[in-house]
Amino acid sequence: MLAVILIFAGIASAGGLIAALAGGFEGWAIVAGITVVVLFAAAFFAVRDGARRRAREVDTVVYSPDNTDQLFDVDPNTGERTPHRD
């Protein structure tokens, strides 16, 4: 969610940059240009951190056949079933 907000803020800053350039405000154009670069870089790092965090999460599926006394953990990548441990 943070990355989406940063991307939208970067797009808004890019609009401000274009408006500052069109209006001839050289100082504000420099400030807006730096802001655009910083916001898009922060969005890139937020997306990368989120992907790295999701990759570390373990997503095991607990499978229960007709008998509730038997529970199995199913590895989503290989489909291998192992006895469930609490």
N, C-alpha and C. Protein backbone atom coordinates (compact mmCIF):
# COMPACT_ATOMS: atom_id res chain seq x y z
N MET A 1 0.83 -1.19 0.00
CA MET A 1 0.00 0.00 0.00
C MET A 1 0.88 1.25 0.00
N LEU A 2 1.98 1.20 0.73
CA LEU A 2 2.88 2.34 0.77
C LEU A 2 3.43 2.65 -0.62
N ALA A 3 3.77 1.60 -1.37
CA ALA A 3 4.33 1.80 -2.71
C ALA A 3 3.32 2.49 -3.62
N VAL A 4 2.06 2.13 -3.51
CA VAL A 4 1.02 2.75 -4.35
C VAL A 4 0.90 4.23 -4.02
N ILE A 5 0.92 4.57 -2.76
CA ILE A 5 0.83 5.97 -2.35
C ILE A 5 2.04 6.74 -2.85
N LEU A 6 3.23 6.15 -2.75
CA LEU A 6 4.44 6.82 -3.23
C LEU A 6 4.42 7.01 -4.75
N ILE A 7 3.89 6.04 -5.48
CA ILE A 7 3.80 6.17 -6.93
C ILE A 7 2.84 7.29 -7.31
N PHE A 8 1.69 7.34 -6.64
CA PHE A 8 0.74 8.42 -6.93
C PHE A 8 1.32 9.78 -6.57
N ALA A 9 2.05 9.88 -5.47
CA ALA A 9 2.69 11.14 -5.10
C ALA A 9 3.76 11.51 -6.12
N GLY A 10 4.47 10.52 -6.65
CA GLY A 10 5.47 10.79 -7.68
C GLY A 10 4.84 11.30 -8.96
N ILE A 11 3.69 10.74 -9.32
CA ILE A 11 2.98 11.21 -10.52
C ILE A 11 2.50 12.64 -10.32
N ALA A 12 1.98 12.94 -9.13
CA ALA A 12 1.55 14.31 -8.84
C ALA A 12 2.73 15.27 -8.86
N SER A 13 3.87 14.83 -8.36
CA SER A 13 5.06 15.68 -8.38
C SER A 13 5.56 15.88 -9.81
N ALA A 14 5.42 14.86 -10.65
CA ALA A 14 5.81 15.02 -12.05
C ALA A 14 4.91 16.06 -12.73
N GLY A 15 3.65 16.09 -12.38
CA GLY A 15 2.76 17.13 -12.90
C GLY A 15 3.18 18.51 -12.43
N GLY A 16 3.59 18.59 -11.17
CA GLY A 16 4.10 19.87 -10.66
C GLY A 16 5.38 20.29 -11.35
N LEU A 17 6.22 19.31 -11.68
CA LEU A 17 7.45 19.60 -12.40
C LEU A 17 7.14 20.17 -13.78
N ILE A 18 6.20 19.55 -14.47
CA ILE A 18 5.83 20.04 -15.81
C ILE A 18 5.24 21.45 -15.72
N ALA A 19 4.40 21.68 -14.71
CA ALA A 19 3.81 23.00 -14.55
C ALA A 19 4.88 24.05 -14.22
N ALA A 20 5.85 23.68 -13.38
CA ALA A 20 6.92 24.62 -13.03
C ALA A 20 7.80 24.92 -14.24
N LEU A 21 8.07 23.91 -15.06
CA LEU A 21 8.86 24.14 -16.26
C LEU A 21 8.11 25.02 -17.26
N ALA A 22 6.81 24.78 -17.41
CA ALA A 22 6.01 25.56 -18.36
C ALA A 22 5.85 27.00 -17.89
N GLY A 23 5.81 27.21 -16.59
CA GLY A 23 5.64 28.56 -16.06
C GLY A 23 6.93 29.34 -15.95
N GLY A 24 8.05 28.67 -16.15
CA GLY A 24 9.32 29.38 -16.08
C GLY A 24 9.87 29.52 -14.67
N PHE A 25 9.37 28.71 -13.74
CA PHE A 25 9.86 28.76 -12.36
C PHE A 25 11.01 27.77 -12.21
N GLU A 26 12.21 28.24 -12.46
CA GLU A 26 13.37 27.36 -12.50
C GLU A 26 13.67 26.73 -11.15
N GLY A 27 13.58 27.46 -10.08
CA GLY A 27 13.86 26.94 -8.74
C GLY A 27 12.88 25.86 -8.32
N TRP A 28 11.59 26.13 -8.59
CA TRP A 28 10.58 25.13 -8.24
C TRP A 28 10.69 23.89 -9.11
N ALA A 29 11.15 24.06 -10.34
CA ALA A 29 11.34 22.91 -11.21
C ALA A 29 12.44 22.00 -10.68
N ILE A 30 13.50 22.59 -10.14
CA ILE A 30 14.58 21.79 -9.55
C ILE A 30 14.06 21.02 -8.33
N VAL A 31 13.31 21.72 -7.47
CA VAL A 31 12.76 21.08 -6.27
C VAL A 31 11.81 19.95 -6.66
N ALA A 32 10.95 20.20 -7.63
CA ALA A 32 10.00 19.18 -8.07
C ALA A 32 10.71 18.00 -8.72
N GLY A 33 11.77 18.26 -9.48
CA GLY A 33 12.53 17.18 -10.11
C GLY A 33 13.19 16.28 -9.08
N ILE A 34 13.75 16.87 -8.06
CA ILE A 34 14.37 16.08 -6.98
C ILE A 34 13.30 15.27 -6.25
N THR A 35 12.15 15.88 -6.02
CA THR A 35 11.05 15.19 -5.34
C THR A 35 10.55 14.00 -6.15
N VAL A 36 10.45 14.16 -7.46
CA VAL A 36 10.00 13.06 -8.32
C VAL A 36 10.97 11.89 -8.22
N VAL A 37 12.26 12.17 -8.30
CA VAL A 37 13.26 11.10 -8.24
C VAL A 37 13.21 10.40 -6.89
N VAL A 38 13.12 11.16 -5.81
CA VAL A 38 13.10 10.57 -4.47
C VAL A 38 11.85 9.71 -4.26
N LEU A 39 10.69 10.19 -4.70
CA LEU A 39 9.44 9.44 -4.50
C LEU A 39 9.43 8.15 -5.31
N PHE A 40 9.89 8.20 -6.56
CA PHE A 40 9.91 6.96 -7.35
C PHE A 40 10.96 5.98 -6.84
N ALA A 41 12.08 6.48 -6.33
CA ALA A 41 13.09 5.58 -5.75
C ALA A 41 12.53 4.93 -4.49
N ALA A 42 11.84 5.70 -3.66
CA ALA A 42 11.24 5.15 -2.44
C ALA A 42 10.17 4.11 -2.79
N ALA A 43 9.39 4.36 -3.84
CA ALA A 43 8.38 3.40 -4.27
C ALA A 43 9.03 2.11 -4.76
N PHE A 44 10.13 2.22 -5.49
CA PHE A 44 10.86 1.04 -5.95
C PHE A 44 11.34 0.20 -4.78
N PHE A 45 11.93 0.86 -3.78
CA PHE A 45 12.43 0.11 -2.62
C PHE A 45 11.29 -0.47 -1.78
N ALA A 46 10.15 0.20 -1.73
CA ALA A 46 8.99 -0.33 -1.01
C ALA A 46 8.45 -1.58 -1.69
N VAL A 47 8.40 -1.57 -3.03
CA VAL A 47 7.94 -2.74 -3.77
C VAL A 47 8.92 -3.89 -3.58
N ARG A 48 10.21 -3.59 -3.66
CA ARG A 48 11.23 -4.64 -3.50
C ARG A 48 11.19 -5.24 -2.10
N ASP A 49 11.01 -4.40 -1.08
CA ASP A 49 10.94 -4.91 0.29
C ASP A 49 9.70 -5.77 0.50
N GLY A 50 8.58 -5.36 -0.07
CA GLY A 50 7.36 -6.16 0.05
C GLY A 50 7.49 -7.51 -0.63
N ALA A 51 8.13 -7.53 -1.78
CA ALA A 51 8.33 -8.81 -2.47
C ALA A 51 9.27 -9.71 -1.69
N ARG A 52 10.30 -9.14 -1.10
CA ARG A 52 11.23 -9.94 -0.29
C ARG A 52 10.55 -10.47 0.96
N ARG A 53 9.69 -9.67 1.56
CA ARG A 53 8.98 -10.11 2.77
C ARG A 53 8.00 -11.22 2.45
N ARG A 54 7.28 -11.11 1.30
CA ARG A 54 6.35 -12.16 0.91
C ARG A 54 7.07 -13.45 0.54
N ALA A 55 8.28 -13.34 0.02
CA ALA A 55 9.03 -14.54 -0.35
C ALA A 55 9.49 -15.31 0.89
N ARG A 56 9.69 -14.62 2.00
CA ARG A 56 10.13 -15.28 3.23
C ARG A 56 9.00 -15.98 3.96
N GLU A 57 7.75 -15.59 3.70
CA GLU A 57 6.62 -16.19 4.40
C GLU A 57 6.44 -17.64 3.97
N VAL A 58 6.13 -18.48 4.93
CA VAL A 58 5.90 -19.89 4.64
C VAL A 58 4.40 -20.10 4.51
N ASP A 59 4.00 -20.57 3.35
CA ASP A 59 2.58 -20.80 3.08
C ASP A 59 2.34 -22.30 2.99
N THR A 60 2.07 -22.92 4.12
CA THR A 60 1.75 -24.34 4.09
C THR A 60 0.23 -24.48 4.13
N VAL A 61 -0.25 -25.46 3.45
CA VAL A 61 -1.67 -25.75 3.41
C VAL A 61 -1.91 -26.96 4.29
N VAL A 62 -2.86 -26.85 5.20
CA VAL A 62 -3.19 -27.98 6.07
C VAL A 62 -4.34 -28.72 5.42
N TYR A 63 -4.11 -30.00 5.14
CA TYR A 63 -5.09 -30.85 4.47
C TYR A 63 -5.64 -31.85 5.47
N SER A 64 -6.96 -31.94 5.54
CA SER A 64 -7.61 -32.88 6.42
C SER A 64 -8.50 -33.80 5.60
N PRO A 65 -8.11 -35.07 5.49
CA PRO A 65 -8.99 -36.01 4.76
C PRO A 65 -10.26 -36.26 5.56
N ASP A 66 -11.02 -37.25 5.18
CA ASP A 66 -12.32 -37.53 5.82
C ASP A 66 -12.17 -37.79 7.32
N ASN A 67 -11.06 -38.35 7.72
CA ASN A 67 -10.81 -38.63 9.13
C ASN A 67 -10.13 -37.40 9.74
N THR A 68 -10.76 -36.77 10.74
CA THR A 68 -10.20 -35.56 11.33
C THR A 68 -9.03 -35.84 12.26
N ASP A 69 -8.74 -37.12 12.54
CA ASP A 69 -7.59 -37.44 13.36
C ASP A 69 -6.29 -37.32 12.58
N GLN A 70 -6.39 -37.27 11.28
CA GLN A 70 -5.20 -37.17 10.45
C GLN A 70 -5.15 -35.77 9.81
N LEU A 71 -4.05 -35.07 10.04
CA LEU A 71 -3.83 -33.78 9.41
C LEU A 71 -2.49 -33.82 8.69
N PHE A 72 -2.44 -33.23 7.52
CA PHE A 72 -1.22 -33.19 6.73
C PHE A 72 -0.91 -31.76 6.34
N ASP A 73 0.36 -31.41 6.33
CA ASP A 73 0.81 -30.14 5.75
C ASP A 73 1.18 -30.42 4.30
N VAL A 74 0.69 -29.59 3.40
CA VAL A 74 0.96 -29.76 1.98
C VAL A 74 1.84 -28.61 1.53
N ASP A 75 3.01 -28.92 1.00
CA ASP A 75 3.91 -27.91 0.46
C ASP A 75 3.32 -27.39 -0.85
N PRO A 76 3.05 -26.06 -0.94
CA PRO A 76 2.41 -25.55 -2.15
C PRO A 76 3.29 -25.65 -3.40
N ASN A 77 4.59 -25.74 -3.24
CA ASN A 77 5.47 -25.81 -4.41
C ASN A 77 5.59 -27.22 -4.96
N THR A 78 5.72 -28.19 -4.08
CA THR A 78 5.95 -29.57 -4.54
C THR A 78 4.73 -30.46 -4.41
N GLY A 79 3.78 -30.12 -3.55
CA GLY A 79 2.61 -30.95 -3.32
C GLY A 79 2.88 -32.09 -2.35
N GLU A 80 4.06 -32.10 -1.75
CA GLU A 80 4.43 -33.17 -0.81
C GLU A 80 3.64 -33.03 0.49
N ARG A 81 3.13 -34.14 0.97
CA ARG A 81 2.36 -34.15 2.21
C ARG A 81 3.23 -34.69 3.35
N THR A 82 3.20 -33.98 4.46
CA THR A 82 3.91 -34.43 5.67
C THR A 82 2.94 -34.36 6.83
N PRO A 83 3.10 -35.18 7.86
CA PRO A 83 2.20 -35.11 9.01
C PRO A 83 2.25 -33.72 9.65
N HIS A 84 1.08 -33.26 10.04
CA HIS A 84 0.97 -31.92 10.63
C HIS A 84 1.52 -31.90 12.05
N ARG A 85 2.26 -30.86 12.36
CA ARG A 85 2.79 -30.65 13.72
C ARG A 85 2.34 -29.28 14.20
N ASP A 86 1.85 -29.22 15.42
CA ASP A 86 1.41 -27.93 15.98
C ASP A 86 2.55 -27.13 16.49
